[in-house]
Structures are given as structure tokens and as C-alpha cells.
PDB file of N, CA and C in Angstrom:
ATOM      1  N   MET A   1       0.903  -1.149  -0.037  1.00  0.00           N
ATOM      2  CA  MET A   1       0.214   0.125  -0.046  1.00  0.00           C
ATOM      3  C   MET A   1       1.014   1.012   0.038  1.00  0.00           C
ATOM      4  N   ALA A   2       0.595   2.149  -1.232  1.00  0.00           N
ATOM      5  CA  ALA A   2       1.714   3.504  -0.899  1.00  0.00           C
ATOM      6  C   ALA A   2       0.965   4.454   0.450  1.00  0.00           C
ATOM      7  N   LYS A   3       2.308   4.774   0.851  1.00  0.00           N
ATOM      8  CA  LYS A   3       2.133   5.991   1.681  1.00  0.00           C
ATOM      9  C   LYS A   3       1.295   7.425   1.001  1.00  0.00           C
ATOM     10  N   ALA A   4       0.562   7.685   1.693  1.00  0.00           N
ATOM     11  CA  ALA A   4       0.077   9.294   1.679  1.00  0.00           C
ATOM     12  C   ALA A   4       0.916  10.151   1.791  1.00  0.00           C
ATOM     13  N   ASN A   5       0.949  11.365   0.977  1.00  0.00           N
ATOM     14  CA  ASN A   5       1.573  12.491   1.739  1.00  0.00           C
ATOM     15  C   ASN A   5       3.216  12.482   1.329  1.00  0.00           C
ATOM     16  N   VAL A   6       3.431  11.964   1.087  1.00  0.00           N
ATOM     17  CA  VAL A   6       5.173  11.454   1.092  1.00  0.00           C
ATOM     18  C   VAL A   6       5.718  12.474   0.493  1.00  0.00           C
ATOM     19  N   ILE A   7       6.770  13.196   1.088  1.00  0.00           N
ATOM     20  CA  ILE A   7       7.261  14.657   0.627  1.00  0.00           C
ATOM     21  C   ILE A   7       8.890  14.371   0.161  1.00  0.00           C
ATOM     22  N   CYS A   8       9.624  13.519   0.966  1.00  0.00           N
ATOM     23  CA  CYS A   8      10.768  13.005   0.585  1.00  0.00           C
ATOM     24  C   CYS A   8      10.489  11.842  -0.223  1.00  0.00           C
ATOM     25  N   ARG A   9      10.738  11.615  -1.382  1.00  0.00           N
ATOM     26  CA  ARG A   9       9.942  10.065  -1.743  1.00  0.00           C
ATOM     27  C   ARG A   9      11.419   9.138  -1.727  1.00  0.00           C
ATOM     28  N   CYS A  10      12.707   9.678  -1.954  1.00  0.00           N
ATOM     29  CA  CYS A  10      13.934   8.878  -1.617  1.00  0.00           C
ATOM     30  C   CYS A  10      13.891   8.213  -0.297  1.00  0.00           C
ATOM     31  N   GLU A  11      13.699   9.001   0.720  1.00  0.00           N
ATOM     32  CA  GLU A  11      14.002   8.434   1.820  1.00  0.00           C
ATOM     33  C   GLU A  11      12.321   7.981   2.406  1.00  0.00           C
ATOM     34  N   GLU A  12      11.335   7.920   1.997  1.00  0.00           N
ATOM     35  CA  GLU A  12       9.676   8.104   2.065  1.00  0.00           C
ATOM     36  C   GLU A  12       9.264   8.499   3.331  1.00  0.00           C
ATOM     37  N   VAL A  13       9.748   9.829   3.383  1.00  0.00           N
ATOM     38  CA  VAL A  13       8.975  10.820   4.799  1.00  0.00           C
ATOM     39  C   VAL A  13       7.764  11.482   4.354  1.00  0.00           C
ATOM     40  N   GLU A  14       6.988  11.286   5.181  1.00  0.00           N
ATOM     41  CA  GLU A  14       5.472  12.132   5.095  1.00  0.00           C
ATOM     42  C   GLU A  14       5.770  13.036   5.533  1.00  0.00           C
ATOM     43  N   ILE A  15       4.327  14.181   5.253  1.00  0.00           N
ATOM     44  CA  ILE A  15       4.459  15.403   5.679  1.00  0.00           C
ATOM     45  C   ILE A  15       4.171  15.149   7.265  1.00  0.00           C
ATOM     46  N   ASP A  16       3.385  14.314   7.916  1.00  0.00           N
ATOM     47  CA  ASP A  16       3.135  14.229   9.034  1.00  0.00           C
ATOM     48  C   ASP A  16       4.325  13.868  10.404  1.00  0.00           C
ATOM     49  N   GLU A  17       5.529  13.540   9.458  1.00  0.00           N
ATOM     50  CA  GLU A  17       6.853  12.932  10.104  1.00  0.00           C
ATOM     51  C   GLU A  17       7.262  14.230  10.445  1.00  0.00           C
ATOM     52  N   ILE A  18       7.480  15.019   9.301  1.00  0.00           N
ATOM     53  CA  ILE A  18       7.950  16.263   9.696  1.00  0.00           C
ATOM     54  C   ILE A  18       7.505  17.443  10.355  1.00  0.00           C
ATOM     55  N   ARG A  19       5.949  17.514  10.191  1.00  0.00           N
ATOM     56  CA  ARG A  19       5.312  18.280  11.134  1.00  0.00           C
ATOM     57  C   ARG A  19       6.024  17.809  12.520  1.00  0.00           C
ATOM     58  N   LYS A  20       5.654  16.663  12.882  1.00  0.00           N
ATOM     59  CA  LYS A  20       5.914  16.339  14.216  1.00  0.00           C
ATOM     60  C   LYS A  20       7.157  16.687  14.534  1.00  0.00           C
ATOM     61  N   CYS A  21       8.453  16.104  14.063  1.00  0.00           N
ATOM     62  CA  CYS A  21       9.649  16.699  14.450  1.00  0.00           C
ATOM     63  C   CYS A  21       9.404  18.360  14.491  1.00  0.00           C
ATOM     64  N   ILE A  22       9.104  18.893  13.405  1.00  0.00           N
ATOM     65  CA  ILE A  22       9.129  20.662  14.025  1.00  0.00           C
ATOM     66  C   ILE A  22       8.459  20.693  15.315  1.00  0.00           C
ATOM     67  N   ALA A  23       7.594  20.236  15.494  1.00  0.00           N
ATOM     68  CA  ALA A  23       6.517  20.267  17.047  1.00  0.00           C
ATOM     69  C   ALA A  23       7.367  19.970  18.241  1.00  0.00           C
ATOM     70  N   GLU A  24       8.217  18.789  17.848  1.00  0.00           N
ATOM     71  CA  GLU A  24       9.269  18.835  18.875  1.00  0.00           C
ATOM     72  C   GLU A  24      10.637  19.699  19.044  1.00  0.00           C
ATOM     73  N   GLY A  25      10.647  20.628  18.233  1.00  0.00           N
ATOM     74  CA  GLY A  25      11.689  21.442  18.432  1.00  0.00           C
ATOM     75  C   GLY A  25      12.563  21.323  17.188  1.00  0.00           C
ATOM     76  N   ARG A  26      12.480  20.640  16.017  1.00  0.00           N
ATOM     77  CA  ARG A  26      13.493  20.786  15.436  1.00  0.00           C
ATOM     78  C   ARG A  26      13.254  21.451  14.254  1.00  0.00           C
ATOM     79  N   THR A  27      13.627  22.595  14.421  1.00  0.00           N
ATOM     80  CA  THR A  27      13.326  24.221  13.313  1.00  0.00           C
ATOM     81  C   THR A  27      13.982  24.555  12.254  1.00  0.00           C
ATOM     82  N   THR A  28      14.966  23.786  11.948  1.00  0.00           N
ATOM     83  CA  THR A  28      16.114  24.195  10.986  1.00  0.00           C
ATOM     84  C   THR A  28      16.045  22.640  10.004  1.00  0.00           C
ATOM     85  N   LEU A  29      16.619  22.707   8.705  1.00  0.00           N
ATOM     86  CA  LEU A  29      16.823  21.999   7.650  1.00  0.00           C
ATOM     87  C   LEU A  29      17.498  21.020   8.382  1.00  0.00           C
ATOM     88  N   GLU A  30      18.936  21.483   8.886  1.00  0.00           N
ATOM     89  CA  GLU A  30      19.762  20.445   8.972  1.00  0.00           C
ATOM     90  C   GLU A  30      19.083  19.377  10.385  1.00  0.00           C
ATOM     91  N   GLU A  31      18.383  20.092  11.419  1.00  0.00           N
ATOM     92  CA  GLU A  31      17.962  19.051  12.237  1.00  0.00           C
ATOM     93  C   GLU A  31      17.085  18.184  11.422  1.00  0.00           C
ATOM     94  N   LEU A  32      16.230  18.527  10.538  1.00  0.00           N
ATOM     95  CA  LEU A  32      15.411  17.553   9.896  1.00  0.00           C
ATOM     96  C   LEU A  32      16.119  16.407   9.354  1.00  0.00           C
ATOM     97  N   LYS A  33      17.671  16.733   8.639  1.00  0.00           N
ATOM     98  CA  LYS A  33      17.757  15.959   8.128  1.00  0.00           C
ATOM     99  C   LYS A  33      18.827  14.929   9.147  1.00  0.00           C
ATOM    100  N   ARG A  34      19.156  15.439  10.156  1.00  0.00           N
ATOM    101  CA  ARG A  34      19.386  14.508  10.931  1.00  0.00           C
ATOM    102  C   ARG A  34      18.760  13.538  11.499  1.00  0.00           C
ATOM    103  N   ALA A  35      17.464  13.909  11.952  1.00  0.00           N
ATOM    104  CA  ALA A  35      16.191  13.118  12.446  1.00  0.00           C
ATOM    105  C   ALA A  35      15.439  12.068  11.359  1.00  0.00           C
ATOM    106  N   LEU A  36      15.381  12.760   9.911  1.00  0.00           N
ATOM    107  CA  LEU A  36      14.646  11.923   9.558  1.00  0.00           C
ATOM    108  C   LEU A  36      15.268  11.908   8.192  1.00  0.00           C
ATOM    109  N   ARG A  37      16.400  11.854   7.645  1.00  0.00           N
ATOM    110  CA  ARG A  37      17.222  11.892   6.565  1.00  0.00           C
ATOM    111  C   ARG A  37      16.569  12.423   5.260  1.00  0.00           C
ATOM    112  N   VAL A  38      15.735  13.401   5.175  1.00  0.00           N
ATOM    113  CA  VAL A  38      15.572  14.022   4.061  1.00  0.00           C
ATOM    114  C   VAL A  38      16.381  14.949   3.614  1.00  0.00           C
ATOM    115  N   THR A  39      16.159  15.163   2.272  1.00  0.00           N
ATOM    116  CA  THR A  39      17.286  15.815   1.552  1.00  0.00           C
ATOM    117  C   THR A  39      18.443  14.894   0.999  1.00  0.00           C
ATOM    118  N   MET A  40      18.670  13.666   1.521  1.00  0.00           N
ATOM    119  CA  MET A  40      19.712  13.173   1.642  1.00  0.00           C
ATOM    120  C   MET A  40      19.635  11.728   0.771  1.00  0.00           C
ATOM    121  N   GLY A  41      18.881  11.870   0.213  1.00  0.00           N
ATOM    122  CA  GLY A  41      18.712  10.412  -0.948  1.00  0.00           C
ATOM    123  C   GLY A  41      19.553  10.967  -2.217  1.00  0.00           C
ATOM    124  N   PRO A  42      19.287  10.273  -3.432  1.00  0.00           N
ATOM    125  CA  PRO A  42      19.786  10.142  -4.620  1.00  0.00           C
ATOM    126  C   PRO A  42      19.465  11.529  -5.051  1.00  0.00           C
ATOM    127  N   CYS A  43      18.259  12.444  -4.702  1.00  0.00           N
ATOM    128  CA  CYS A  43      18.163  13.246  -5.454  1.00  0.00           C
ATOM    129  C   CYS A  43      18.495  14.632  -4.892  1.00  0.00           C
ATOM    130  N   GLN A  44      19.411  14.344  -3.514  1.00  0.00           N
ATOM    131  CA  GLN A  44      19.951  15.088  -2.907  1.00  0.00           C
ATOM    132  C   GLN A  44      18.858  16.710  -2.460  1.00  0.00           C
ATOM    133  N   GLY A  45      17.794  16.297  -2.227  1.00  0.00           N
ATOM    134  CA  GLY A  45      16.587  17.491  -2.094  1.00  0.00           C
ATOM    135  C   GLY A  45      16.068  17.922  -3.040  1.00  0.00           C
ATOM    136  N   ARG A  46      16.399  17.828  -4.256  1.00  0.00           N
ATOM    137  CA  ARG A  46      15.861  18.443  -5.351  1.00  0.00           C
ATOM    138  C   ARG A  46      14.424  18.216  -5.096  1.00  0.00           C
ATOM    139  N   GLY A  47      13.703  17.114  -5.025  1.00  0.00           N
ATOM    140  CA  GLY A  47      12.564  16.645  -5.194  1.00  0.00           C
ATOM    141  C   GLY A  47      11.431  16.966  -3.750  1.00  0.00           C
ATOM    142  N   CYS A  48      12.246  17.729  -2.600  1.00  0.00           N
ATOM    143  CA  CYS A  48      11.607  17.794  -1.269  1.00  0.00           C
ATOM    144  C   CYS A  48      12.371  18.797  -0.555  1.00  0.00           C
ATOM    145  N   ARG A  49      13.314  19.639  -0.686  1.00  0.00           N
ATOM    146  CA  ARG A  49      13.677  20.644   0.103  1.00  0.00           C
ATOM    147  C   ARG A  49      12.715  21.656   0.009  1.00  0.00           C
ATOM    148  N   ASP A  50      12.236  22.373  -1.167  1.00  0.00           N
ATOM    149  CA  ASP A  50      11.385  23.701  -1.572  1.00  0.00           C
ATOM    150  C   ASP A  50      10.387  23.592  -0.626  1.00  0.00           C
ATOM    151  N   ILE A  51       9.569  21.992  -0.449  1.00  0.00           N
ATOM    152  CA  ILE A  51       8.640  22.015   0.485  1.00  0.00           C
ATOM    153  C   ILE A  51       8.710  21.729   1.742  1.00  0.00           C
ATOM    154  N   ILE A  52       9.920  21.103   2.180  1.00  0.00           N
ATOM    155  CA  ILE A  52      10.132  21.128   3.450  1.00  0.00           C
ATOM    156  C   ILE A  52      10.183  22.740   4.008  1.00  0.00           C
ATOM    157  N   LEU A  53      10.932  23.283   3.368  1.00  0.00           N
ATOM    158  CA  LEU A  53      11.867  24.609   3.347  1.00  0.00           C
ATOM    159  C   LEU A  53      10.220  25.462   3.815  1.00  0.00           C
ATOM    160  N   ARG A  54       9.270  25.402   2.808  1.00  0.00           N
ATOM    161  CA  ARG A  54       8.000  26.296   2.757  1.00  0.00           C
ATOM    162  C   ARG A  54       7.171  25.796   4.128  1.00  0.00           C
ATOM    163  N   GLU A  55       7.399  24.660   4.714  1.00  0.00           N
ATOM    164  CA  GLU A  55       6.865  24.117   6.173  1.00  0.00           C
ATOM    165  C   GLU A  55       7.354  24.035   6.763  1.00  0.00           C
ATOM    166  N   LEU A  56       8.671  24.439   7.428  1.00  0.00           N
ATOM    167  CA  LEU A  56       9.433  25.169   8.155  1.00  0.00           C
ATOM    168  C   LEU A  56       8.930  26.609   8.463  1.00  0.00           C
ATOM    169  N   SER A  57       8.659  27.327   7.055  1.00  0.00           N
ATOM    170  CA  SER A  57       8.180  28.663   7.294  1.00  0.00           C
ATOM    171  C   SER A  57       6.872  28.960   7.831  1.00  0.00           C
ATOM    172  N   ARG A  58       6.064  27.980   7.345  1.00  0.00           N
ATOM    173  CA  ARG A  58       4.706  27.952   7.987  1.00  0.00           C
ATOM    174  C   ARG A  58       4.894  28.053   9.790  1.00  0.00           C
ATOM    175  N   ALA A  59       5.391  26.961  10.203  1.00  0.00           N
ATOM    176  CA  ALA A  59       5.547  26.759  11.265  1.00  0.00           C
ATOM    177  C   ALA A  59       6.031  27.599  12.550  1.00  0.00           C
ATOM    178  N   THR A  60       7.630  28.300  11.866  1.00  0.00           N
ATOM    179  CA  THR A  60       8.100  29.385  12.657  1.00  0.00           C
ATOM    180  C   THR A  60       7.824  30.627  12.199  1.00  0.00           C
ATOM    181  N   GLY A  61       7.094  31.295  11.193  1.00  0.00           N
ATOM    182  CA  GLY A  61       6.677  32.560  10.919  1.00  0.00           C
ATOM    183  C   GLY A  61       7.756  32.970  10.446  1.00  0.00           C
ATOM    184  N   LYS A  62       8.669  32.503   9.840  1.00  0.00           N
ATOM    185  CA  LYS A  62       9.695  33.074   9.178  1.00  0.00           C
ATOM    186  C   LYS A  62       9.394  33.162   7.952  1.00  0.00           C
ATOM    187  N   PRO A  63      10.120  33.848   7.062  1.00  0.00           N
ATOM    188  CA  PRO A  63       9.837  33.997   5.590  1.00  0.00           C
ATOM    189  C   PRO A  63      11.070  33.091   4.935  1.00  0.00           C
ATOM    190  N   VAL A  64      10.811  32.235   3.788  1.00  0.00           N
ATOM    191  CA  VAL A  64      11.386  31.079   3.422  1.00  0.00           C
ATOM    192  C   VAL A  64      12.680  31.423   2.935  1.00  0.00           C
ATOM    193  N   ALA A  65      12.841  32.496   2.453  1.00  0.00           N
ATOM    194  CA  ALA A  65      14.207  33.661   2.502  1.00  0.00           C
ATOM    195  C   ALA A  65      15.070  33.541   3.833  1.00  0.00           C
ATOM    196  N   GLU A  66      14.611  33.702   4.733  1.00  0.00           N
ATOM    197  CA  GLU A  66      15.323  33.719   5.688  1.00  0.00           C
ATOM    198  C   GLU A  66      15.703  32.287   6.498  1.00  0.00           C
ATOM    199  N   ILE A  67      15.244  31.189   6.090  1.00  0.00           N
ATOM    200  CA  ILE A  67      15.474  29.540   6.393  1.00  0.00           C
ATOM    201  C   ILE A  67      16.679  28.807   5.722  1.00  0.00           C
ATOM    202  N   SER A  68      17.572  28.733   6.272  1.00  0.00           N
ATOM    203  CA  SER A  68      19.089  28.185   5.866  1.00  0.00           C
ATOM    204  C   SER A  68      18.415  27.137   4.776  1.00  0.00           C
ATOM    205  N   PRO A  69      18.926  26.776   3.735  1.00  0.00           N
ATOM    206  CA  PRO A  69      18.598  25.827   3.049  1.00  0.00           C
ATOM    207  C   PRO A  69      19.662  24.837   2.931  1.00  0.00           C
ATOM    208  N   GLY A  70      20.211  24.657   4.275  1.00  0.00           N
ATOM    209  CA  GLY A  70      21.148  23.644   4.485  1.00  0.00           C
ATOM    210  C   GLY A  70      21.659  23.454   3.688  1.00  0.00           C
ATOM    211  N   THR A  71      23.242  22.535   4.243  1.00  0.00           N
ATOM    212  CA  THR A  71      24.461  22.468   3.631  1.00  0.00           C
ATOM    213  C   THR A  71      24.310  21.415   1.976  1.00  0.00           C
ATOM    214  N   ILE A  72      24.799  21.323   1.066  1.00  0.00           N
ATOM    215  CA  ILE A  72      24.394  20.958  -0.124  1.00  0.00           C
ATOM    216  C   ILE A  72      26.209  20.324  -0.461  1.00  0.00           C
ATOM    217  N   ARG A  73      26.100  19.307  -0.273  1.00  0.00           N
ATOM    218  CA  ARG A  73      27.623  18.365  -0.410  1.00  0.00           C
ATOM    219  C   ARG A  73      27.581  17.672  -2.105  1.00  0.00           C
ATOM    220  N   PRO A  74      28.592  18.559  -2.753  1.00  0.00           N
ATOM    221  CA  PRO A  74      28.750  17.876  -3.698  1.00  0.00           C
ATOM    222  C   PRO A  74      29.268  16.288  -3.499  1.00  0.00           C
ATOM    223  N   PRO A  75      29.027  15.815  -4.804  1.00  0.00           N
ATOM    224  CA  PRO A  75      28.109  16.047  -6.137  1.00  0.00           C
ATOM    225  C   PRO A  75      26.720  15.866  -5.856  1.00  0.00           C
ATOM    226  N   VAL A  76      26.019  16.696  -6.075  1.00  0.00           N
ATOM    227  CA  VAL A  76      24.986  17.205  -5.921  1.00  0.00           C
ATOM    228  C   VAL A  76      24.045  15.723  -6.873  1.00  0.00           C
ATOM    229  N   LYS A  77      24.853  15.981  -8.113  1.00  0.00           N
ATOM    230  CA  LYS A  77      24.291  14.856  -8.998  1.00  0.00           C
ATOM    231  C   LYS A  77      25.174  13.910  -9.142  1.00  0.00           C
ATOM    232  N   PRO A  78      24.619  12.683  -8.707  1.00  0.00           N
ATOM    233  CA  PRO A  78      25.619  11.526  -9.268  1.00  0.00           C
ATOM    234  C   PRO A  78      26.194  11.505 -10.857  1.00  0.00           C
ATOM    235  N   ILE A  79      27.712  11.727 -10.883  1.00  0.00           N
ATOM    236  CA  ILE A  79      28.238  11.491 -12.029  1.00  0.00           C
ATOM    237  C   ILE A  79      29.436  10.238 -12.005  1.00  0.00           C
ATOM    238  N   LYS A  80      29.804   9.867 -13.088  1.00  0.00           N
ATOM    239  CA  LYS A  80      30.736   9.059 -13.301  1.00  0.00           C
ATOM    240  C   LYS A  80      31.850   9.259 -12.782  1.00  0.00           C
ATOM    241  N   ILE A  81      32.773   8.103 -12.144  1.00  0.00           N
ATOM    242  CA  ILE A  81      34.175   8.773 -11.473  1.00  0.00           C
ATOM    243  C   ILE A  81      35.062   9.143 -12.657  1.00  0.00           C
ATOM    244  N   GLY A  82      35.113   8.087 -13.855  1.00  0.00           N
ATOM    245  CA  GLY A  82      35.951   8.555 -14.692  1.00  0.00           C
ATOM    246  C   GLY A  82      35.939  10.223 -15.049  1.00  0.00           C
ATOM    247  N   LEU A  83      34.829  11.030 -14.838  1.00  0.00           N
ATOM    248  CA  LEU A  83      34.535  12.241 -15.031  1.00  0.00           C
ATOM    249  C   LEU A  83      35.217  13.165 -14.292  1.00  0.00           C
ATOM    250  N   LEU A  84      35.959  12.663 -13.143  1.00  0.00           N
ATOM    251  CA  LEU A  84      36.337  13.287 -12.411  1.00  0.00           C
ATOM    252  C   LEU A  84      38.137  13.572 -12.701  1.00  0.00           C
ATOM    253  N   CYS A  85      38.496  12.891 -13.580  1.00  0.00           N
ATOM    254  CA  CYS A  85      40.084  12.228 -13.425  1.00  0.00           C
ATOM    255  C   CYS A  85      40.158  12.718 -15.192  1.00  0.00           C
ATOM    256  N   ASP A  86      41.445  13.161 -15.304  1.00  0.00           N
ATOM    257  CA  ASP A  86      41.824  13.349 -16.378  1.00  0.00           C
ATOM    258  C   ASP A  86      42.510  12.187 -17.105  1.00  0.00           C
ATOM    259  N   TYR A  87      41.296  11.258 -17.282  1.00  0.00           N
ATOM    260  CA  TYR A  87      42.456  10.251 -17.742  1.00  0.00           C
ATOM    261  C   TYR A  87      42.375  10.020 -19.723  1.00  0.00           C
ATOM    262  N   ASN A  88      43.824   9.384 -19.902  1.00  0.00           N
ATOM    263  CA  ASN A  88      43.940   9.177 -21.469  1.00  0.00           C
ATOM    264  C   ASN A  88      44.414   7.560 -21.393  1.00  0.00           C
ATOM    265  N   SER A  89      43.630   7.018 -22.337  1.00  0.00           N
ATOM    266  CA  SER A  89      44.216   5.562 -22.306  1.00  0.00           C
ATOM    267  C   SER A  89      45.488   5.490 -23.108  1.00  0.00           C
ATOM    268  N   ASP A  90      45.769   6.658 -23.957  1.00  0.00           N
ATOM    269  CA  ASP A  90      46.923   6.331 -24.861  1.00  0.00           C
ATOM    270  C   ASP A  90      48.508   6.545 -24.301  1.00  0.00           C
ATOM    271  N   LYS A  91      48.334   6.964 -22.874  1.00  0.00           N
ATOM    272  CA  LYS A  91      49.387   6.937 -22.108  1.00  0.00           C
ATOM    273  C   LYS A  91      50.182   5.586 -21.738  1.00  0.00           C
TER     274      LYS A  91
END
């Protein structure tokens, strides 16, 4: 059975879980990452970050622009390891 209201599809986190964590005092994206692993899946938050930031904004009364978008650690998009080096098969 599919979950309803899944916000972070990579980690299968529902909006109710996010709201519960915020109510418990986790009011930054970094705290939610540690508690729920949101934005830590293969998409690196491209699918859920904006939704979570809006939920934090609603809960804290701060504008989204004032809420830290969290730390984005490269590579943000999965890449092949060969692209990171200058490999020349002629050598």
C-alpha cells in the first residue's frame, strides 16, 4: 500500500513525520536531515527541499528566504568517476 503525503520520496518521509519533528523543536533543515534523512537521498533534496522549507516557514513564521537551505554536499548530481579525472588511455 502506497504512503499518503510522501514529501521526501527518496527516504519515504511523510508530511506528518516532518510536522511532528518540527513540533518537537527541530526547526532547521539540518535538524530535520539528522532526524529523518530528508534531502539525503539520490536526488539530494531536489524533490523535497522547497516543500520542507515552506513547511518550516509556516511553522516558525519566518519567510522562506530567512531559513537556511541546509548544506548541499557535492556531487549534487551523481556522476561517473571517470569524469572526475583526466584519464588518457594512450599513456
